[in-house]
Every structure is written in C-alpha cells, then in structure tokens.
PDB file of N, CA and C in Angstrom:
ATOM      1  N   MET A   1      71.390 104.621  49.734  1.00  0.00           N
ATOM      2  CA  MET A   1      72.593 104.259  49.016  1.00  0.00           C
ATOM      3  C   MET A   1      73.586 103.686  50.032  1.00  0.00           C
ATOM      4  N   ASP A   2      74.109 102.466  49.733  1.00  0.00           N
ATOM      5  CA  ASP A   2      75.056 101.880  50.662  1.00  0.00           C
ATOM      6  C   ASP A   2      76.460 102.458  50.454  1.00  0.00           C
ATOM      7  N   THR A   3      77.387 102.076  51.323  1.00  0.00           N
ATOM      8  CA  THR A   3      78.739 102.633  51.295  1.00  0.00           C
ATOM      9  C   THR A   3      79.455 102.337  49.989  1.00  0.00           C
ATOM     10  N   GLN A   4      79.289 101.119  49.452  1.00  0.00           N
ATOM     11  CA  GLN A   4      79.945 100.746  48.205  1.00  0.00           C
ATOM     12  C   GLN A   4      79.428 101.596  47.040  1.00  0.00           C
ATOM     13  N   GLN A   5      78.123 101.824  46.974  1.00  0.00           N
ATOM     14  CA  GLN A   5      77.556 102.663  45.921  1.00  0.00           C
ATOM     15  C   GLN A   5      78.043 104.101  46.057  1.00  0.00           C
ATOM     16  N   GLN A   6      78.123 104.594  47.281  1.00  0.00           N
ATOM     17  CA  GLN A   6      78.596 105.959  47.516  1.00  0.00           C
ATOM     18  C   GLN A   6      80.051 106.105  47.074  1.00  0.00           C
ATOM     19  N   ALA A   7      80.878 105.100  47.356  1.00  0.00           N
ATOM     20  CA  ALA A   7      82.282 105.147  46.954  1.00  0.00           C
ATOM     21  C   ALA A   7      82.405 105.180  45.433  1.00  0.00           C
ATOM     22  N   ALA A   8      81.593 104.389  44.742  1.00  0.00           N
ATOM     23  CA  ALA A   8      81.620 104.393  43.273  1.00  0.00           C
ATOM     24  C   ALA A   8      81.191 105.749  42.740  1.00  0.00           C
ATOM     25  N   GLN A   9      80.164 106.339  43.321  1.00  0.00           N
ATOM     26  CA  GLN A   9      79.687 107.654  42.901  1.00  0.00           C
ATOM     27  C   GLN A   9      80.771 108.707  43.083  1.00  0.00           C
ATOM     28  N   ASP A  10      81.522 108.622  44.189  1.00  0.00           N
ATOM     29  CA  ASP A  10      82.557 109.609  44.475  1.00  0.00           C
ATOM     30  C   ASP A  10      83.702 109.560  43.475  1.00  0.00           C
ATOM     31  N   ARG A  11      83.957 108.397  42.845  1.00  0.00           N
ATOM     32  CA  ARG A  11      85.050 108.266  41.896  1.00  0.00           C
ATOM     33  C   ARG A  11      84.694 108.811  40.518  1.00  0.00           C
ATOM     34  N   ARG A  12      83.446 109.022  40.234  1.00  0.00           N
ATOM     35  CA  ARG A  12      83.042 109.492  38.913  1.00  0.00           C
ATOM     36  C   ARG A  12      83.438 110.952  38.723  1.00  0.00           C
ATOM     37  N   ILE A  13      83.946 111.235  37.512  1.00  0.00           N
ATOM     38  CA  ILE A  13      84.362 112.612  37.242  1.00  0.00           C
ATOM     39  C   ILE A  13      83.281 113.409  36.526  1.00  0.00           C
ATOM     40  N   ALA A  14      82.213 112.732  36.109  1.00  0.00           N
ATOM     41  CA  ALA A  14      81.103 113.421  35.443  1.00  0.00           C
ATOM     42  C   ALA A  14      79.791 112.784  35.899  1.00  0.00           C
ATOM     43  N   PRO A  15      78.746 113.584  36.068  1.00  0.00           N
ATOM     44  CA  PRO A  15      77.463 113.020  36.492  1.00  0.00           C
ATOM     45  C   PRO A  15      76.886 112.094  35.425  1.00  0.00           C
ATOM     46  N   ARG A  16      76.265 111.017  35.890  1.00  0.00           N
ATOM     47  CA  ARG A  16      75.665 110.058  34.966  1.00  0.00           C
ATOM     48  C   ARG A  16      74.164 110.268  34.909  1.00  0.00           C
ATOM     49  N   ARG A  17      73.598 109.913  33.755  1.00  0.00           N
ATOM     50  CA  ARG A  17      72.135 109.960  33.606  1.00  0.00           C
ATOM     51  C   ARG A  17      71.660 108.578  33.201  1.00  0.00           C
ATOM     52  N   ARG A  18      70.493 108.234  33.707  1.00  0.00           N
ATOM     53  CA  ARG A  18      69.920 106.923  33.400  1.00  0.00           C
ATOM     54  C   ARG A  18      69.428 106.894  31.965  1.00  0.00           C
ATOM     55  N   VAL A  19      69.742 105.802  31.286  1.00  0.00           N
ATOM     56  CA  VAL A  19      69.271 105.568  29.925  1.00  0.00           C
ATOM     57  C   VAL A  19      68.969 104.078  29.806  1.00  0.00           C
ATOM     58  N   LEU A  20      68.352 103.702  28.730  1.00  0.00           N
ATOM     59  CA  LEU A  20      68.135 102.302  28.411  1.00  0.00           C
ATOM     60  C   LEU A  20      68.313 102.186  26.907  1.00  0.00           C
ATOM     61  N   LYS A  21      69.563 101.922  26.491  1.00  0.00           N
ATOM     62  CA  LYS A  21      69.900 101.926  25.066  1.00  0.00           C
ATOM     63  C   LYS A  21      70.580 100.620  24.687  1.00  0.00           C
ATOM     64  N   ALA A  22      70.230 100.129  23.509  1.00  0.00           N
ATOM     65  CA  ALA A  22      70.888  98.953  22.961  1.00  0.00           C
ATOM     66  C   ALA A  22      72.281  99.352  22.482  1.00  0.00           C
ATOM     67  N   ALA A  23      73.232  98.428  22.625  1.00  0.00           N
ATOM     68  CA  ALA A  23      74.602  98.692  22.201  1.00  0.00           C
ATOM     69  C   ALA A  23      75.271  97.378  21.799  1.00  0.00           C
ATOM     70  N   LYS A  24      76.435  97.515  21.198  1.00  0.00           N
ATOM     71  CA  LYS A  24      77.225  96.353  20.816  1.00  0.00           C
ATOM     72  C   LYS A  24      78.670  96.573  21.251  1.00  0.00           C
ATOM     73  N   ILE A  25      79.280  95.504  21.754  1.00  0.00           N
ATOM     74  CA  ILE A  25      80.687  95.493  22.125  1.00  0.00           C
ATOM     75  C   ILE A  25      81.432  94.749  21.032  1.00  0.00           C
ATOM     76  N   PHE A  26      82.468  95.368  20.494  1.00  0.00           N
ATOM     77  CA  PHE A  26      83.293  94.760  19.449  1.00  0.00           C
ATOM     78  C   PHE A  26      84.682  94.498  20.011  1.00  0.00           C
ATOM     79  N   ILE A  27      85.124  93.245  19.947  1.00  0.00           N
ATOM     80  CA  ILE A  27      86.475  92.914  20.378  1.00  0.00           C
ATOM     81  C   ILE A  27      87.180  92.154  19.253  1.00  0.00           C
ATOM     82  N   ASN A  28      88.480  92.056  19.356  1.00  0.00           N
ATOM     83  CA  ASN A  28      89.292  91.371  18.334  1.00  0.00           C
ATOM     84  C   ASN A  28      89.041  91.958  16.949  1.00  0.00           C
ATOM     85  N   ASP A  29      89.086  93.291  16.849  1.00  0.00           N
ATOM     86  CA  ASP A  29      88.868  93.986  15.572  1.00  0.00           C
ATOM     87  C   ASP A  29      87.545  93.607  14.926  1.00  0.00           C
ATOM     88  N   GLY A  30      86.520  93.420  15.742  1.00  0.00           N
ATOM     89  CA  GLY A  30      85.180  93.130  15.238  1.00  0.00           C
ATOM     90  C   GLY A  30      84.905  91.665  14.975  1.00  0.00           C
ATOM     91  N   VAL A  31      85.863  90.774  15.270  1.00  0.00           N
ATOM     92  CA  VAL A  31      85.641  89.338  15.082  1.00  0.00           C
ATOM     93  C   VAL A  31      84.566  88.839  16.043  1.00  0.00           C
ATOM     94  N   SER A  32      84.589  89.333  17.284  1.00  0.00           N
ATOM     95  CA  SER A  32      83.588  88.963  18.284  1.00  0.00           C
ATOM     96  C   SER A  32      82.733  90.173  18.599  1.00  0.00           C
ATOM     97  N   VAL A  33      81.411  89.964  18.621  1.00  0.00           N
ATOM     98  CA  VAL A  33      80.456  91.041  18.889  1.00  0.00           C
ATOM     99  C   VAL A  33      79.469  90.549  19.936  1.00  0.00           C
ATOM    100  N   PHE A  34      79.231  91.377  20.956  1.00  0.00           N
ATOM    101  CA  PHE A  34      78.278  91.049  22.010  1.00  0.00           C
ATOM    102  C   PHE A  34      77.224  92.145  22.098  1.00  0.00           C
ATOM    103  N   ASP A  35      75.963  91.752  22.166  1.00  0.00           N
ATOM    104  CA  ASP A  35      74.885  92.705  22.422  1.00  0.00           C
ATOM    105  C   ASP A  35      74.895  93.046  23.904  1.00  0.00           C
ATOM    106  N   CYS A  36      74.615  94.301  24.211  1.00  0.00           N
ATOM    107  CA  CYS A  36      74.512  94.719  25.600  1.00  0.00           C
ATOM    108  C   CYS A  36      73.515  95.856  25.719  1.00  0.00           C
ATOM    109  N   THR A  37      73.239  96.246  26.954  1.00  0.00           N
ATOM    110  CA  THR A  37      72.346  97.366  27.241  1.00  0.00           C
ATOM    111  C   THR A  37      73.102  98.385  28.075  1.00  0.00           C
ATOM    112  N   VAL A  38      72.988  99.653  27.704  1.00  0.00           N
ATOM    113  CA  VAL A  38      73.573 100.740  28.489  1.00  0.00           C
ATOM    114  C   VAL A  38      72.500 101.214  29.466  1.00  0.00           C
ATOM    115  N   HIS A  39      72.831 101.193  30.769  1.00  0.00           N
ATOM    116  CA  HIS A  39      71.867 101.585  31.800  1.00  0.00           C
ATOM    117  C   HIS A  39      72.081 103.006  32.305  1.00  0.00           C
ATOM    118  N   ASP A  40      73.314 103.471  32.293  1.00  0.00           N
ATOM    119  CA  ASP A  40      73.566 104.878  32.580  1.00  0.00           C
ATOM    120  C   ASP A  40      74.819 105.307  31.844  1.00  0.00           C
ATOM    121  N   VAL A  41      74.916 106.616  31.592  1.00  0.00           N
ATOM    122  CA  VAL A  41      75.997 107.133  30.766  1.00  0.00           C
ATOM    123  C   VAL A  41      76.365 108.537  31.221  1.00  0.00           C
ATOM    124  N   SER A  42      77.629 108.895  31.020  1.00  0.00           N
ATOM    125  CA  SER A  42      78.103 110.252  31.276  1.00  0.00           C
ATOM    126  C   SER A  42      79.085 110.601  30.169  1.00  0.00           C
ATOM    127  N   ALA A  43      79.661 111.761  30.263  1.00  0.00           N
ATOM    128  CA  ALA A  43      80.673 112.149  29.287  1.00  0.00           C
ATOM    129  C   ALA A  43      81.925 111.292  29.423  1.00  0.00           C
ATOM    130  N   SER A  44      82.118 110.666  30.587  1.00  0.00           N
ATOM    131  CA  SER A  44      83.349 109.916  30.825  1.00  0.00           C
ATOM    132  C   SER A  44      83.203 108.401  30.813  1.00  0.00           C
ATOM    133  N   GLY A  45      81.972 107.872  30.822  1.00  0.00           N
ATOM    134  CA  GLY A  45      81.821 106.425  30.861  1.00  0.00           C
ATOM    135  C   GLY A  45      80.384 105.973  30.902  1.00  0.00           C
ATOM    136  N   ALA A  46      80.208 104.670  31.159  1.00  0.00           N
ATOM    137  CA  ALA A  46      78.861 104.092  31.148  1.00  0.00           C
ATOM    138  C   ALA A  46      78.823 102.824  31.980  1.00  0.00           C
ATOM    139  N   ARG A  47      77.602 102.393  32.291  1.00  0.00           N
ATOM    140  CA  ARG A  47      77.359 101.112  32.952  1.00  0.00           C
ATOM    141  C   ARG A  47      76.606 100.230  31.971  1.00  0.00           C
ATOM    142  N   LEU A  48      77.172  99.060  31.680  1.00  0.00           N
ATOM    143  CA  LEU A  48      76.615  98.150  30.697  1.00  0.00           C
ATOM    144  C   LEU A  48      76.132  96.871  31.366  1.00  0.00           C
ATOM    145  N   SER A  49      75.168  96.218  30.732  1.00  0.00           N
ATOM    146  CA  SER A  49      74.715  94.909  31.166  1.00  0.00           C
ATOM    147  C   SER A  49      74.695  93.989  29.959  1.00  0.00           C
ATOM    148  N   LEU A  50      75.281  92.797  30.119  1.00  0.00           N
ATOM    149  CA  LEU A  50      75.268  91.812  29.049  1.00  0.00           C
ATOM    150  C   LEU A  50      74.225  90.723  29.288  1.00  0.00           C
ATOM    151  N   GLY A  51      73.648  90.669  30.481  1.00  0.00           N
ATOM    152  CA  GLY A  51      72.656  89.650  30.792  1.00  0.00           C
ATOM    153  C   GLY A  51      73.269  88.350  31.286  1.00  0.00           C
ATOM    154  N   ILE A  52      74.507  88.076  30.886  1.00  0.00           N
ATOM    155  CA  ILE A  52      75.263  86.925  31.364  1.00  0.00           C
ATOM    156  C   ILE A  52      76.682  87.400  31.631  1.00  0.00           C
ATOM    157  N   PHE A  53      77.416  86.647  32.459  1.00  0.00           N
ATOM    158  CA  PHE A  53      78.816  87.002  32.680  1.00  0.00           C
ATOM    159  C   PHE A  53      79.603  86.678  31.422  1.00  0.00           C
ATOM    160  N   GLN A  54      80.427  87.608  30.992  1.00  0.00           N
ATOM    161  CA  GLN A  54      81.265  87.416  29.815  1.00  0.00           C
ATOM    162  C   GLN A  54      82.642  87.992  30.112  1.00  0.00           C
ATOM    163  N   VAL A  55      83.674  87.240  29.835  1.00  0.00           N
ATOM    164  CA  VAL A  55      85.030  87.763  29.996  1.00  0.00           C
ATOM    165  C   VAL A  55      85.288  88.745  28.865  1.00  0.00           C
ATOM    166  N   LEU A  56      85.635  89.969  29.232  1.00  0.00           N
ATOM    167  CA  LEU A  56      85.926  91.016  28.248  1.00  0.00           C
ATOM    168  C   LEU A  56      87.376  91.453  28.399  1.00  0.00           C
ATOM    169  N   PRO A  57      87.984  91.901  27.309  1.00  0.00           N
ATOM    170  CA  PRO A  57      89.348  92.429  27.421  1.00  0.00           C
ATOM    171  C   PRO A  57      89.342  93.778  28.131  1.00  0.00           C
ATOM    172  N   LYS A  58      90.513  94.243  28.512  1.00  0.00           N
ATOM    173  CA  LYS A  58      90.636  95.525  29.215  1.00  0.00           C
ATOM    174  C   LYS A  58      90.146  96.692  28.355  1.00  0.00           C
ATOM    175  N   GLN A  59      90.338  96.615  27.026  1.00  0.00           N
ATOM    176  CA  GLN A  59      89.861  97.669  26.139  1.00  0.00           C
ATOM    177  C   GLN A  59      89.080  97.070  24.975  1.00  0.00           C
ATOM    178  N   PHE A  60      88.062  97.790  24.531  1.00  0.00           N
ATOM    179  CA  PHE A  60      87.230  97.345  23.416  1.00  0.00           C
ATOM    180  C   PHE A  60      86.482  98.532  22.836  1.00  0.00           C
ATOM    181  N   ARG A  61      85.777  98.291  21.745  1.00  0.00           N
ATOM    182  CA  ARG A  61      84.976  99.337  21.098  1.00  0.00           C
ATOM    183  C   ARG A  61      83.509  99.097  21.447  1.00  0.00           C
ATOM    184  N   LEU A  62      82.825 100.161  21.827  1.00  0.00           N
ATOM    185  CA  LEU A  62      81.409 100.119  22.174  1.00  0.00           C
ATOM    186  C   LEU A  62      80.648 101.021  21.218  1.00  0.00           C
ATOM    187  N   VAL A  63      79.606 100.480  20.589  1.00  0.00           N
ATOM    188  CA  VAL A  63      78.758 101.270  19.698  1.00  0.00           C
ATOM    189  C   VAL A  63      77.370 101.306  20.321  1.00  0.00           C
ATOM    190  N   VAL A  64      76.933 102.517  20.661  1.00  0.00           N
ATOM    191  CA  VAL A  64      75.651 102.722  21.338  1.00  0.00           C
ATOM    192  C   VAL A  64      74.688 103.409  20.385  1.00  0.00           C
ATOM    193  N   ASN A  65      73.487 102.838  20.241  1.00  0.00           N
ATOM    194  CA  ASN A  65      72.469 103.482  19.398  1.00  0.00           C
ATOM    195  C   ASN A  65      72.256 104.914  19.867  1.00  0.00           C
ATOM    196  N   ASP A  66      72.294 105.855  18.975  1.00  0.00           N
ATOM    197  CA  ASP A  66      72.066 107.284  19.213  1.00  0.00           C
ATOM    198  C   ASP A  66      73.219 107.997  19.928  1.00  0.00           C
ATOM    199  N   LEU A  67      74.243 107.276  20.394  1.00  0.00           N
ATOM    200  CA  LEU A  67      75.345 107.921  21.113  1.00  0.00           C
ATOM    201  C   LEU A  67      76.687 107.738  20.426  1.00  0.00           C
ATOM    202  N   GLY A  68      76.753 106.934  19.380  1.00  0.00           N
ATOM    203  CA  GLY A  68      77.983 106.775  18.627  1.00  0.00           C
ATOM    204  C   GLY A  68      78.886 105.678  19.144  1.00  0.00           C
ATOM    205  N   ALA A  69      80.128 105.691  18.652  1.00  0.00           N
ATOM    206  CA  ALA A  69      81.109 104.656  18.961  1.00  0.00           C
ATOM    207  C   ALA A  69      82.215 105.226  19.842  1.00  0.00           C
ATOM    208  N   HIS A  70      82.643 104.435  20.821  1.00  0.00           N
ATOM    209  CA  HIS A  70      83.670 104.848  21.770  1.00  0.00           C
ATOM    210  C   HIS A  70      84.672 103.726  21.974  1.00  0.00           C
ATOM    211  N   HIS A  71      85.936 104.088  22.136  1.00  0.00           N
ATOM    212  CA  HIS A  71      86.927 103.154  22.649  1.00  0.00           C
ATOM    213  C   HIS A  71      86.767 103.186  24.162  1.00  0.00           C
ATOM    214  N   CYS A  72      86.682 102.008  24.779  1.00  0.00           N
ATOM    215  CA  CYS A  72      86.405 101.923  26.208  1.00  0.00           C
ATOM    216  C   CYS A  72      87.471 101.134  26.937  1.00  0.00           C
ATOM    217  N   GLU A  73      87.582 101.452  28.225  1.00  0.00           N
ATOM    218  CA  GLU A  73      88.435 100.708  29.134  1.00  0.00           C
ATOM    219  C   GLU A  73      87.553 100.143  30.232  1.00  0.00           C
ATOM    220  N   LEU A  74      87.652  98.858  30.473  1.00  0.00           N
ATOM    221  CA  LEU A  74      86.879  98.189  31.508  1.00  0.00           C
ATOM    222  C   LEU A  74      87.444  98.577  32.872  1.00  0.00           C
ATOM    223  N   VAL A  75      86.590  99.112  33.747  1.00  0.00           N
ATOM    224  CA  VAL A  75      87.065  99.544  35.062  1.00  0.00           C
ATOM    225  C   VAL A  75      86.406  98.805  36.214  1.00  0.00           C
ATOM    226  N   ARG A  76      85.280  98.121  35.953  1.00  0.00           N
ATOM    227  CA  ARG A  76      84.577  97.449  37.052  1.00  0.00           C
ATOM    228  C   ARG A  76      83.691  96.351  36.489  1.00  0.00           C
ATOM    229  N   ILE A  77      83.628  95.221  37.198  1.00  0.00           N
ATOM    230  CA  ILE A  77      82.691  94.150  36.864  1.00  0.00           C
ATOM    231  C   ILE A  77      81.954  93.774  38.139  1.00  0.00           C
ATOM    232  N   THR A  78      80.628  93.770  38.076  1.00  0.00           N
ATOM    233  CA  THR A  78      79.796  93.337  39.188  1.00  0.00           C
ATOM    234  C   THR A  78      78.737  92.405  38.619  1.00  0.00           C
ATOM    235  N   GLY A  79      78.957  91.115  38.741  1.00  0.00           N
ATOM    236  CA  GLY A  79      78.010  90.146  38.187  1.00  0.00           C
ATOM    237  C   GLY A  79      77.978  90.240  36.671  1.00  0.00           C
ATOM    238  N   THR A  80      76.827  90.640  36.142  1.00  0.00           N
ATOM    239  CA  THR A  80      76.683  90.789  34.690  1.00  0.00           C
ATOM    240  C   THR A  80      76.709  92.252  34.256  1.00  0.00           C
ATOM    241  N   GLU A  81      77.113  93.146  35.173  1.00  0.00           N
ATOM    242  CA  GLU A  81      77.216  94.568  34.851  1.00  0.00           C
ATOM    243  C   GLU A  81      78.681  94.979  34.781  1.00  0.00           C
ATOM    244  N   TYR A  82      78.965  95.881  33.846  1.00  0.00           N
ATOM    245  CA  TYR A  82      80.327  96.292  33.558  1.00  0.00           C
ATOM    246  C   TYR A  82      80.399  97.815  33.540  1.00  0.00           C
ATOM    247  N   GLY A  83      81.338  98.371  34.290  1.00  0.00           N
ATOM    248  CA  GLY A  83      81.572  99.804  34.263  1.00  0.00           C
ATOM    249  C   GLY A  83      82.716 100.084  33.304  1.00  0.00           C
ATOM    250  N   VAL A  84      82.523 101.036  32.410  1.00  0.00           N
ATOM    251  CA  VAL A  84      83.555 101.370  31.434  1.00  0.00           C
ATOM    252  C   VAL A  84      83.862 102.858  31.452  1.00  0.00           C
ATOM    253  N   ARG A  85      85.095 103.178  31.131  1.00  0.00           N
ATOM    254  CA  ARG A  85      85.542 104.566  30.981  1.00  0.00           C
ATOM    255  C   ARG A  85      85.758 104.799  29.480  1.00  0.00           C
ATOM    256  N   PHE A  86      85.244 105.897  28.966  1.00  0.00           N
ATOM    257  CA  PHE A  86      85.480 106.245  27.562  1.00  0.00           C
ATOM    258  C   PHE A  86      86.903 106.792  27.459  1.00  0.00           C
ATOM    259  N   ILE A  87      87.688 106.229  26.533  1.00  0.00           N
ATOM    260  CA  ILE A  87      89.057 106.708  26.355  1.00  0.00           C
ATOM    261  C   ILE A  87      89.268 107.342  24.988  1.00  0.00           C
ATOM    262  N   GLY A  88      88.207 107.434  24.213  1.00  0.00           N
ATOM    263  CA  GLY A  88      88.303 108.099  22.930  1.00  0.00           C
ATOM    264  C   GLY A  88      87.125 107.725  22.030  1.00  0.00           C
ATOM    265  N   LEU A  89      86.915 108.520  21.001  1.00  0.00           N
ATOM    266  CA  LEU A  89      85.872 108.221  20.040  1.00  0.00           C
ATOM    267  C   LEU A  89      86.397 107.217  19.022  1.00  0.00           C
ATOM    268  N   ALA A  90      85.537 106.337  18.599  1.00  0.00           N
ATOM    269  CA  ALA A  90      85.901 105.324  17.591  1.00  0.00           C
ATOM    270  C   ALA A  90      85.275 105.700  16.258  1.00  0.00           C
ATOM    271  N   ALA A  91      85.890 105.268  15.207  1.00  0.00           N
ATOM    272  CA  ALA A  91      85.371 105.540  13.854  1.00  0.00           C
ATOM    273  C   ALA A  91      84.238 104.605  13.524  1.00  0.00           C
TER     274      ALA A  91
END
C-alpha cells in the first residue's frame, strides 16, 4: 500500500468491505441518472466507478442494489472513481 492509499485509509471512520454491486446516481431530482458500480462500502461511505469521467454535483442520491438509497456527498475523485460519504438515508 502506497502512502496516498494509507492516508485515505486513515481518514475513514468505518472499515470498508469489498463488493461489486450495480447502482444508480440520481441528480437534479432524478432528471439525470447515471449507472455506476460500487466497489467497496462501509457504514459511512462507498467507492464508486462510472467507467468514464463524469462531473457530479457535491451532493446526490445513490441507489444501490440490495443496500438501499442514500443521500451522498462527493469527497474524492480519482480518474473514473468517486469516493462518497453517506449523509443520510433517501426515500
């Protein structure tokens, strides 16, 4: 693990587990929808991949198969991967 990965790990408040789940990002009250993949998840957030770079707003709704819907805050972008913090459950 390099220094940058170690620093990211140290900032996490909950341990993450690897998953491979389909999900959807909803922005603009559901007007825009993007398919994505969740690669790891914890009680506090997740790492998503969209496959291409996409500009996302600071907050959006994420619906993950088998894990439900969450209001998320974008905290990190690395290429086509996005780190998000869960800020609440979505209806």
